[in-house]
Structure formats: C-alpha cells, structure tokens
Amino acid sequence: YGCGSAGVVKISTLDPSDFLNDSGIYGLRIRNAYHSNSGEWSNSAVAAAGNDALQLLYEYSRREGDDITLADGVELPDSAIEREAHLLKAIWTPSIDHRFEFGFSDYSSADQGGANPQSNTNFTQHPEAGRFIDYSQVSLNWAYNPLGNDWINSNLTINLKQTSQLRNYLATTGSNLTRSKLHDFSVTGIDFFNTSRFSHLGLDHELLIGFEFFREKQDGDETRNTFILPGTNGDSGTRPDAE
C-alpha cells in the first residue's frame, strides 16, 4: 500500500503461540529440503515456549546451493545462492490491559554477479562483483487497551533498522582492480496512535489520533575518490552521505 512507484510492504511475523502444541507450553518445527539440480539445501528450525504471561520464539534458517544447470546442460552463471537468517520474538502480557512485544531479525546473503547487471560483463569496464548484504531490525511495541474503556486503545512502536551492502569487484585490470564499495543505510522510527470508539446521535464513531517520526541516514564509501576516476579512498558517487 502507499503512494509512489514503490509504496510500502508490511510484514507481520508469526507469534510463538502459532507454534505451541496442544499443551500450550512448547513447540518445535524442523524443515529440510534438497534440490538436486544445484545441490541446494534449505533448512530451518523454529522453537517456541510460553505460558499465559510470557511467550518466546526463535527461528534459524539457511539456504545454500551451487549454480543452476539449465536444460541444455549448461550452468547458469552467478545463480548460486547463500542465505542465512535469525528471528527472535518475545511477548509479555503482564495483565489483560498491557501487551509488550520485542522482535529481532537478522538476514545475510552472499551473491556474485555483474557490477552493472544492465551491461554485458567484462572484467575491465563492467566486472563481476561479490555482493554481501546484512540486514538487521529491532522493534519494540507496547499496546495498552484498558478493559471497559472504549476511549483508550493505544499502540506505541519503536523500530531500528540497519542495512549494509559490500561489493568487492573481481576485475583483473583497469580502474576497477581491487575496488570495493560499502553502502550503509539506517532507519530509526517511532509511531504512536490511539483509537477511541463512541456513539452519538445513533451512529457509531471511531476517532484515531497519532503521529509518526522517522530518520534515515545513508553512508557510502569506496576505494576510489570519485565515481569515474581512480584515486584515494573516498565517498561513493552513487551513494552519497545523506540524512
């Protein structure tokens, strides 16, 4: 949803209670898959435990495989995959009115492909590059909905996000020799809203009041002083330092 060419994608992870067994105390799910074409393994494990007041969840997943073999027996270049992710979630409900949630997720990947995917790969102007991506997010949420009070249904969320991409150029000659670029992008955000429900003149009404604040920061560094000419270490011409 949202405006613009990209909009917003919102993802809600499952709660620990979604994995608890009939006893409601613990749960475990393990998945393993193998793809013979590329020798890819896909493994994940989710463990959960909880009671009426506290619920905990931890998940680990990993995918790793070689290049895909096409129908004519030729391997598809740069199609190997390596992914790893962690998810930690805790929910504390001290009373019927309050609910606290803590979430942490971490994702990393390693790939190889053309430094400029829109151009033919050559090791002078458009060499291949190894890409390493790390993404982490921490979120804190507090929900307050006092029983029997239709005027107060509050929700406060704080988010911290960090994304880093490292590209190591694999050029064998020219200005891209031993070149590397590092892009860091961080977001700090907080939003709060309260929903009040009431009736007036025979109609039901809902009033929502809130605010949102976020701050984005970007840093770019590479081993060339400009985007075009080789030189000393400097800022990235395509990812300038910005807020």
C-alpha atoms as a PDB file:
ATOM      1  CA  TYR A   1       0.000   0.000   0.000  1.00  0.00           C
ATOM      2  CA  GLY A   2       1.064   3.623  -0.189  1.00  0.00           C
ATOM      3  CA  CYS A   3       1.778   6.154  -2.932  1.00  0.00           C
ATOM      4  CA  GLY A   4       4.648   6.467  -5.376  1.00  0.00           C
ATOM      5  CA  SER A   5       6.276   3.827  -7.540  1.00  0.00           C
ATOM      6  CA  ALA A   6       7.306   1.605  -4.637  1.00  0.00           C
ATOM      7  CA  GLY A   7       4.775   2.040  -1.852  1.00  0.00           C
ATOM      8  CA  VAL A   8       5.107   0.111   1.395  1.00  0.00           C
ATOM      9  CA  VAL A   9       5.377  -3.599   2.099  1.00  0.00           C
ATOM     10  CA  LYS A  10       4.366  -4.587   5.633  1.00  0.00           C
ATOM     11  CA  ILE A  11       5.307  -7.999   7.027  1.00  0.00           C
ATOM     12  CA  SER A  12       3.951  -9.434  10.281  1.00  0.00           C
ATOM     13  CA  THR A  13       5.796 -12.437  11.692  1.00  0.00           C
ATOM     14  CA  LEU A  14       4.000 -15.284  13.433  1.00  0.00           C
ATOM     15  CA  ASP A  15       3.677 -15.289  17.219  1.00  0.00           C
ATOM     16  CA  PRO A  16       5.096 -18.020  19.481  1.00  0.00           C
ATOM     17  CA  SER A  17       1.541 -19.239  20.154  1.00  0.00           C
ATOM     18  CA  ASP A  18       1.252 -20.210  16.483  1.00  0.00           C
ATOM     19  CA  PHE A  19       3.832 -22.947  17.066  1.00  0.00           C
ATOM     20  CA  LEU A  20       2.855 -24.200  20.530  1.00  0.00           C
ATOM     21  CA  ASN A  21       1.396 -27.705  20.751  1.00  0.00           C
ATOM     22  CA  ASP A  22      -1.867 -28.658  22.449  1.00  0.00           C
ATOM     23  CA  SER A  23      -0.316 -28.195  25.883  1.00  0.00           C
ATOM     24  CA  GLY A  24       0.373 -24.550  25.064  1.00  0.00           C
ATOM     25  CA  ILE A  25       3.807 -24.784  26.691  1.00  0.00           C
ATOM     26  CA  TYR A  26       6.307 -25.591  23.930  1.00  0.00           C
ATOM     27  CA  GLY A  27       6.608 -26.326  20.231  1.00  0.00           C
ATOM     28  CA  LEU A  28       9.236 -27.284  17.643  1.00  0.00           C
ATOM     29  CA  ARG A  29       9.179 -27.340  13.834  1.00  0.00           C
ATOM     30  CA  ILE A  30      12.075 -28.503  11.627  1.00  0.00           C
ATOM     31  CA  ARG A  31      12.090 -28.359   7.826  1.00  0.00           C
ATOM     32  CA  ASN A  32      14.766 -29.680   5.459  1.00  0.00           C
ATOM     33  CA  ALA A  33      14.693 -29.633   1.675  1.00  0.00           C
ATOM     34  CA  TYR A  34      17.198 -30.622  -1.022  1.00  0.00           C
ATOM     35  CA  HIS A  35      17.337 -29.561  -4.698  1.00  0.00           C
ATOM     36  CA  SER A  36      19.394 -31.981  -6.772  1.00  0.00           C
ATOM     37  CA  ASN A  37      19.825 -29.623  -9.766  1.00  0.00           C
ATOM     38  CA  SER A  38      22.013 -27.147  -7.901  1.00  0.00           C
ATOM     39  CA  GLY A  39      22.805 -29.232  -4.826  1.00  0.00           C
ATOM     40  CA  GLU A  40      20.894 -26.706  -2.735  1.00  0.00           C
ATOM     41  CA  TRP A  41      19.949 -27.363   0.880  1.00  0.00           C
ATOM     42  CA  SER A  42      17.206 -25.358   2.565  1.00  0.00           C
ATOM     43  CA  ASN A  43      16.974 -25.860   6.329  1.00  0.00           C
ATOM     44  CA  SER A  44      15.019 -24.138   9.081  1.00  0.00           C
ATOM     45  CA  ALA A  45      14.123 -24.733  12.715  1.00  0.00           C
ATOM     46  CA  VAL A  46      11.617 -22.922  14.926  1.00  0.00           C
ATOM     47  CA  ALA A  47      11.442 -23.365  18.702  1.00  0.00           C
ATOM     48  CA  ALA A  48       8.758 -21.794  20.877  1.00  0.00           C
ATOM     49  CA  ALA A  49       7.798 -21.852  24.546  1.00  0.00           C
ATOM     50  CA  GLY A  50       5.366 -19.942  26.673  1.00  0.00           C
ATOM     51  CA  ASN A  51       2.656 -19.551  29.257  1.00  0.00           C
ATOM     52  CA  ASP A  52      -0.158 -17.078  29.881  1.00  0.00           C
ATOM     53  CA  ALA A  53       2.250 -14.214  30.659  1.00  0.00           C
ATOM     54  CA  LEU A  54       5.394 -14.812  28.570  1.00  0.00           C
ATOM     55  CA  GLN A  55       5.960 -16.329  25.127  1.00  0.00           C
ATOM     56  CA  LEU A  56       9.280 -16.820  23.333  1.00  0.00           C
ATOM     57  CA  LEU A  57      10.188 -17.820  19.777  1.00  0.00           C
ATOM     58  CA  TYR A  58      13.495 -18.384  17.953  1.00  0.00           C
ATOM     59  CA  GLU A  59      13.980 -19.359  14.318  1.00  0.00           C
ATOM     60  CA  TYR A  60      17.079 -20.147  12.276  1.00  0.00           C
ATOM     61  CA  SER A  61      17.060 -20.695   8.516  1.00  0.00           C
ATOM     62  CA  ARG A  62      19.726 -21.232   5.876  1.00  0.00           C
ATOM     63  CA  ARG A  63      19.810 -21.819   2.103  1.00  0.00           C
ATOM     64  CA  GLU A  64      22.966 -22.717   0.184  1.00  0.00           C
ATOM     65  CA  GLY A  65      23.407 -24.084  -3.326  1.00  0.00           C
ATOM     66  CA  ASP A  66      25.610 -24.026  -6.438  1.00  0.00           C
ATOM     67  CA  ASP A  67      24.816 -22.687  -9.913  1.00  0.00           C
ATOM     68  CA  ILE A  68      21.626 -23.957 -11.559  1.00  0.00           C
ATOM     69  CA  THR A  69      22.032 -26.348 -14.512  1.00  0.00           C
ATOM     70  CA  LEU A  70      19.842 -25.415 -17.496  1.00  0.00           C
ATOM     71  CA  ALA A  71      18.004 -27.858 -19.777  1.00  0.00           C
ATOM     72  CA  ASP A  72      20.896 -27.968 -22.274  1.00  0.00           C
ATOM     73  CA  GLY A  73      23.302 -28.985 -19.509  1.00  0.00           C
ATOM     74  CA  VAL A  74      24.980 -25.568 -19.269  1.00  0.00           C
ATOM     75  CA  GLU A  75      25.244 -23.972 -15.844  1.00  0.00           C
ATOM     76  CA  LEU A  76      23.588 -20.570 -15.362  1.00  0.00           C
ATOM     77  CA  PRO A  77      26.382 -18.180 -14.285  1.00  0.00           C
ATOM     78  CA  ASP A  78      26.077 -16.402 -10.939  1.00  0.00           C
ATOM     79  CA  SER A  79      22.962 -18.336  -9.881  1.00  0.00           C
ATOM     80  CA  ALA A  80      24.476 -19.845  -6.721  1.00  0.00           C
ATOM     81  CA  ILE A  81      22.713 -18.865  -3.515  1.00  0.00           C
ATOM     82  CA  GLU A  82      23.729 -18.427   0.109  1.00  0.00           C
ATOM     83  CA  ARG A  83      21.281 -17.044   2.687  1.00  0.00           C
ATOM     84  CA  GLU A  84      21.108 -17.103   6.475  1.00  0.00           C
ATOM     85  CA  ALA A  85      18.510 -15.608   8.819  1.00  0.00           C
ATOM     86  CA  HIS A  86      17.672 -15.407  12.525  1.00  0.00           C
ATOM     87  CA  LEU A  87      14.425 -14.367  14.194  1.00  0.00           C
ATOM     88  CA  LEU A  88      13.819 -13.773  17.889  1.00  0.00           C
ATOM     89  CA  LYS A  89      10.450 -12.745  19.301  1.00  0.00           C
ATOM     90  CA  ALA A  90       9.216 -12.253  22.866  1.00  0.00           C
ATOM     91  CA  ILE A  91       5.712 -11.294  24.022  1.00  0.00           C
ATOM     92  CA  TRP A  92       4.983 -10.295  27.607  1.00  0.00           C
ATOM     93  CA  THR A  93       1.414  -9.816  28.804  1.00  0.00           C
ATOM     94  CA  PRO A  94       1.587  -8.750  32.472  1.00  0.00           C
ATOM     95  CA  SER A  95      -2.161  -8.003  32.602  1.00  0.00           C
ATOM     96  CA  ILE A  96      -5.220  -8.004  30.399  1.00  0.00           C
ATOM     97  CA  ASP A  97      -4.652  -4.295  29.669  1.00  0.00           C
ATOM     98  CA  HIS A  98      -0.980  -4.361  28.618  1.00  0.00           C
ATOM     99  CA  ARG A  99       0.979  -6.218  25.936  1.00  0.00           C
ATOM    100  CA  PHE A 100       4.710  -5.776  25.280  1.00  0.00           C
ATOM    101  CA  GLU A 101       6.483  -7.238  22.264  1.00  0.00           C
ATOM    102  CA  PHE A 102      10.188  -7.407  21.389  1.00  0.00           C
ATOM    103  CA  GLY A 103      11.422  -8.526  17.992  1.00  0.00           C
ATOM    104  CA  PHE A 104      14.859  -9.011  16.461  1.00  0.00           C
ATOM    105  CA  SER A 105      15.632 -10.257  12.960  1.00  0.00           C
ATOM    106  CA  ASP A 106      18.907 -10.622  11.104  1.00  0.00           C
ATOM    107  CA  TYR A 107      19.427 -11.578   7.460  1.00  0.00           C
ATOM    108  CA  SER A 108      22.620 -12.028   5.448  1.00  0.00           C
ATOM    109  CA  SER A 109      23.320 -13.079   1.881  1.00  0.00           C
ATOM    110  CA  ALA A 110      26.295 -13.621  -0.413  1.00  0.00           C
ATOM    111  CA  ASP A 111      25.964 -13.434  -4.213  1.00  0.00           C
ATOM    112  CA  GLN A 112      28.054 -12.829  -7.304  1.00  0.00           C
ATOM    113  CA  GLY A 113      27.024 -11.039 -10.478  1.00  0.00           C
ATOM    114  CA  GLY A 114      27.789  -8.203 -12.833  1.00  0.00           C
ATOM    115  CA  ALA A 115      28.654  -4.921 -11.138  1.00  0.00           C
ATOM    116  CA  ASN A 116      26.246  -3.347 -13.635  1.00  0.00           C
ATOM    117  CA  PRO A 117      23.607  -6.011 -14.359  1.00  0.00           C
ATOM    118  CA  GLN A 118      22.292  -3.974 -17.319  1.00  0.00           C
ATOM    119  CA  SER A 119      25.564  -4.239 -19.262  1.00  0.00           C
ATOM    120  CA  ASN A 120      27.496  -7.120 -20.748  1.00  0.00           C
ATOM    121  CA  THR A 121      30.000  -8.388 -18.196  1.00  0.00           C
ATOM    122  CA  ASN A 122      33.664  -7.765 -18.922  1.00  0.00           C
ATOM    123  CA  PHE A 123      36.463  -7.569 -16.409  1.00  0.00           C
ATOM    124  CA  THR A 124      37.596  -4.068 -17.467  1.00  0.00           C
ATOM    125  CA  GLN A 125      34.539  -1.785 -17.574  1.00  0.00           C
ATOM    126  CA  HIS A 126      31.792  -3.964 -16.075  1.00  0.00           C
ATOM    127  CA  PRO A 127      33.440  -6.681 -13.987  1.00  0.00           C
ATOM    128  CA  GLU A 128      31.665  -9.178 -11.826  1.00  0.00           C
ATOM    129  CA  ALA A 129      31.362  -8.339  -8.158  1.00  0.00           C
ATOM    130  CA  GLY A 130      30.805 -10.270  -4.988  1.00  0.00           C
ATOM    131  CA  ARG A 131      27.882  -8.847  -3.019  1.00  0.00           C
ATOM    132  CA  PHE A 132      27.474  -9.293   0.717  1.00  0.00           C
ATOM    133  CA  ILE A 133      24.281  -7.948   2.306  1.00  0.00           C
ATOM    134  CA  ASP A 134      23.493  -7.742   6.022  1.00  0.00           C
ATOM    135  CA  TYR A 135      20.138  -6.551   7.328  1.00  0.00           C
ATOM    136  CA  SER A 136      19.024  -6.340  10.947  1.00  0.00           C
ATOM    137  CA  GLN A 137      15.955  -4.923  12.670  1.00  0.00           C
ATOM    138  CA  VAL A 138      14.965  -4.366  16.280  1.00  0.00           C
ATOM    139  CA  SER A 139      11.385  -3.473  17.180  1.00  0.00           C
ATOM    140  CA  LEU A 140       9.664  -2.653  20.461  1.00  0.00           C
ATOM    141  CA  ASN A 141       5.901  -2.428  20.804  1.00  0.00           C
ATOM    142  CA  TRP A 142       3.565  -1.531  23.660  1.00  0.00           C
ATOM    143  CA  ALA A 143      -0.199  -1.932  23.363  1.00  0.00           C
ATOM    144  CA  TYR A 144      -2.488  -0.521  26.068  1.00  0.00           C
ATOM    145  CA  ASN A 145      -6.205  -1.279  25.919  1.00  0.00           C
ATOM    146  CA  PRO A 146      -7.871  -1.000  29.356  1.00  0.00           C
ATOM    147  CA  LEU A 147     -10.853  -3.262  29.766  1.00  0.00           C
ATOM    148  CA  GLY A 148     -14.170  -1.427  29.635  1.00  0.00           C
ATOM    149  CA  ASN A 149     -12.670   1.837  28.308  1.00  0.00           C
ATOM    150  CA  ASP A 150     -13.611   2.498  24.685  1.00  0.00           C
ATOM    151  CA  TRP A 151     -11.717   5.799  24.632  1.00  0.00           C
ATOM    152  CA  ILE A 152      -8.236   4.299  25.061  1.00  0.00           C
ATOM    153  CA  ASN A 153      -6.701   1.774  22.713  1.00  0.00           C
ATOM    154  CA  SER A 154      -3.087   2.904  22.326  1.00  0.00           C
ATOM    155  CA  ASN A 155      -0.185   1.459  20.375  1.00  0.00           C
ATOM    156  CA  LEU A 156       3.456   2.589  20.520  1.00  0.00           C
ATOM    157  CA  THR A 157       6.156   1.136  18.249  1.00  0.00           C
ATOM    158  CA  ILE A 158       9.888   1.868  18.013  1.00  0.00           C
ATOM    159  CA  ASN A 159      11.937   0.473  15.115  1.00  0.00           C
ATOM    160  CA  LEU A 160      15.682   0.386  14.441  1.00  0.00           C
ATOM    161  CA  LYS A 161      16.859  -0.934  11.054  1.00  0.00           C
ATOM    162  CA  GLN A 162      20.323  -1.281   9.540  1.00  0.00           C
ATOM    163  CA  THR A 163      21.269  -2.445   6.039  1.00  0.00           C
ATOM    164  CA  SER A 164      24.823  -2.842   4.738  1.00  0.00           C
ATOM    165  CA  GLN A 165      25.961  -3.892   1.276  1.00  0.00           C
ATOM    166  CA  LEU A 166      29.612  -4.631   0.453  1.00  0.00           C
ATOM    167  CA  ARG A 167      30.630  -5.076  -3.180  1.00  0.00           C
ATOM    168  CA  ASN A 168      34.083  -6.444  -3.998  1.00  0.00           C
ATOM    169  CA  TYR A 169      34.926  -6.011  -7.685  1.00  0.00           C
ATOM    170  CA  LEU A 170      36.584  -9.009  -9.356  1.00  0.00           C
ATOM    171  CA  ALA A 171      38.281  -7.043 -12.147  1.00  0.00           C
ATOM    172  CA  THR A 172      41.667  -8.289 -13.354  1.00  0.00           C
ATOM    173  CA  THR A 173      42.793  -4.968 -14.840  1.00  0.00           C
ATOM    174  CA  GLY A 174      41.870  -1.293 -15.111  1.00  0.00           C
ATOM    175  CA  SER A 175      40.473   1.176 -12.588  1.00  0.00           C
ATOM    176  CA  ASN A 176      38.164  -1.456 -11.027  1.00  0.00           C
ATOM    177  CA  LEU A 177      41.106  -3.612  -9.936  1.00  0.00           C
ATOM    178  CA  THR A 178      40.790  -4.378  -6.169  1.00  0.00           C
ATOM    179  CA  ARG A 179      37.919  -1.896  -5.981  1.00  0.00           C
ATOM    180  CA  SER A 180      35.283  -2.226  -3.227  1.00  0.00           C
ATOM    181  CA  LYS A 181      32.199  -0.238  -2.182  1.00  0.00           C
ATOM    182  CA  LEU A 182      30.343  -0.195   1.116  1.00  0.00           C
ATOM    183  CA  HIS A 183      26.806   1.190   1.477  1.00  0.00           C
ATOM    184  CA  ASP A 184      25.195   1.630   4.889  1.00  0.00           C
ATOM    185  CA  PHE A 185      21.553   2.630   5.319  1.00  0.00           C
ATOM    186  CA  SER A 186      19.849   3.004   8.701  1.00  0.00           C
ATOM    187  CA  VAL A 187      16.319   3.954   9.764  1.00  0.00           C
ATOM    188  CA  THR A 188      15.122   4.963  13.218  1.00  0.00           C
ATOM    189  CA  GLY A 189      11.379   5.328  13.620  1.00  0.00           C
ATOM    190  CA  ILE A 190       8.675   5.758  16.222  1.00  0.00           C
ATOM    191  CA  ASP A 191       4.918   5.859  15.784  1.00  0.00           C
ATOM    192  CA  PHE A 192       2.056   6.201  18.217  1.00  0.00           C
ATOM    193  CA  PHE A 193      -1.698   6.178  17.755  1.00  0.00           C
ATOM    194  CA  ASN A 194      -4.801   5.907  19.886  1.00  0.00           C
ATOM    195  CA  THR A 195      -8.215   4.769  18.739  1.00  0.00           C
ATOM    196  CA  SER A 196     -11.373   5.949  20.522  1.00  0.00           C
ATOM    197  CA  ARG A 197     -14.789   4.466  19.850  1.00  0.00           C
ATOM    198  CA  PHE A 198     -18.072   6.103  20.867  1.00  0.00           C
ATOM    199  CA  SER A 199     -21.703   6.506  19.819  1.00  0.00           C
ATOM    200  CA  HIS A 200     -23.506   9.771  19.088  1.00  0.00           C
ATOM    201  CA  LEU A 201     -26.887  10.535  17.518  1.00  0.00           C
ATOM    202  CA  GLY A 202     -27.474   6.851  16.930  1.00  0.00           C
ATOM    203  CA  LEU A 203     -24.228   6.385  14.982  1.00  0.00           C
ATOM    204  CA  ASP A 204     -21.001   4.583  15.904  1.00  0.00           C
ATOM    205  CA  HIS A 205     -17.823   6.633  15.555  1.00  0.00           C
ATOM    206  CA  GLU A 206     -14.104   5.848  15.557  1.00  0.00           C
ATOM    207  CA  LEU A 207     -11.517   8.570  16.188  1.00  0.00           C
ATOM    208  CA  LEU A 208      -7.833   7.866  15.558  1.00  0.00           C
ATOM    209  CA  ILE A 209      -5.129  10.315  16.664  1.00  0.00           C
ATOM    210  CA  GLY A 210      -1.408   9.673  16.369  1.00  0.00           C
ATOM    211  CA  PHE A 211       1.969  10.660  14.972  1.00  0.00           C
ATOM    212  CA  GLU A 212       4.942   9.120  13.210  1.00  0.00           C
ATOM    213  CA  PHE A 213       8.577  10.202  13.119  1.00  0.00           C
ATOM    214  CA  PHE A 214      11.464   8.547  11.316  1.00  0.00           C
ATOM    215  CA  ARG A 215      15.047   9.396  10.442  1.00  0.00           C
ATOM    216  CA  GLU A 216      17.023   7.858   7.578  1.00  0.00           C
ATOM    217  CA  LYS A 217      20.788   8.005   7.256  1.00  0.00           C
ATOM    218  CA  GLN A 218      22.952   6.832   4.373  1.00  0.00           C
ATOM    219  CA  ASP A 219      26.739   6.449   4.161  1.00  0.00           C
ATOM    220  CA  GLY A 220      28.710   5.412   1.104  1.00  0.00           C
ATOM    221  CA  ASP A 221      32.423   4.613   0.928  1.00  0.00           C
ATOM    222  CA  GLU A 222      34.594   3.154  -1.787  1.00  0.00           C
ATOM    223  CA  THR A 223      38.239   2.759  -2.712  1.00  0.00           C
ATOM    224  CA  ARG A 224      38.086   5.436  -5.436  1.00  0.00           C
ATOM    225  CA  ASN A 225      37.805   9.139  -4.754  1.00  0.00           C
ATOM    226  CA  THR A 226      35.165   9.744  -7.454  1.00  0.00           C
ATOM    227  CA  PHE A 227      32.727   7.701  -9.480  1.00  0.00           C
ATOM    228  CA  ILE A 228      34.779   7.979 -12.683  1.00  0.00           C
ATOM    229  CA  LEU A 229      38.467   8.314 -11.892  1.00  0.00           C
ATOM    230  CA  PRO A 230      40.582   6.029  -9.710  1.00  0.00           C
ATOM    231  CA  GLY A 231      42.261   7.558  -6.727  1.00  0.00           C
ATOM    232  CA  THR A 232      42.384   7.512  -2.957  1.00  0.00           C
ATOM    233  CA  ASN A 233      39.669   6.263  -0.647  1.00  0.00           C
ATOM    234  CA  GLY A 234      36.573   8.437  -0.713  1.00  0.00           C
ATOM    235  CA  ASP A 235      32.824   8.748  -0.721  1.00  0.00           C
ATOM    236  CA  SER A 236      30.689   6.796  -3.149  1.00  0.00           C
ATOM    237  CA  GLY A 237      29.434   8.915  -6.039  1.00  0.00           C
ATOM    238  CA  THR A 238      26.252   6.844  -6.384  1.00  0.00           C
ATOM    239  CA  ARG A 239      25.536   6.572  -2.631  1.00  0.00           C
ATOM    240  CA  PRO A 240      26.379   9.987  -1.125  1.00  0.00           C
ATOM    241  CA  ASP A 241      26.321  10.605   2.610  1.00  0.00           C
ATOM    242  CA  ALA A 242      22.826  11.879   3.349  1.00  0.00           C
ATOM    243  CA  GLU A 243      20.135  12.220   6.000  1.00  0.00           C
END
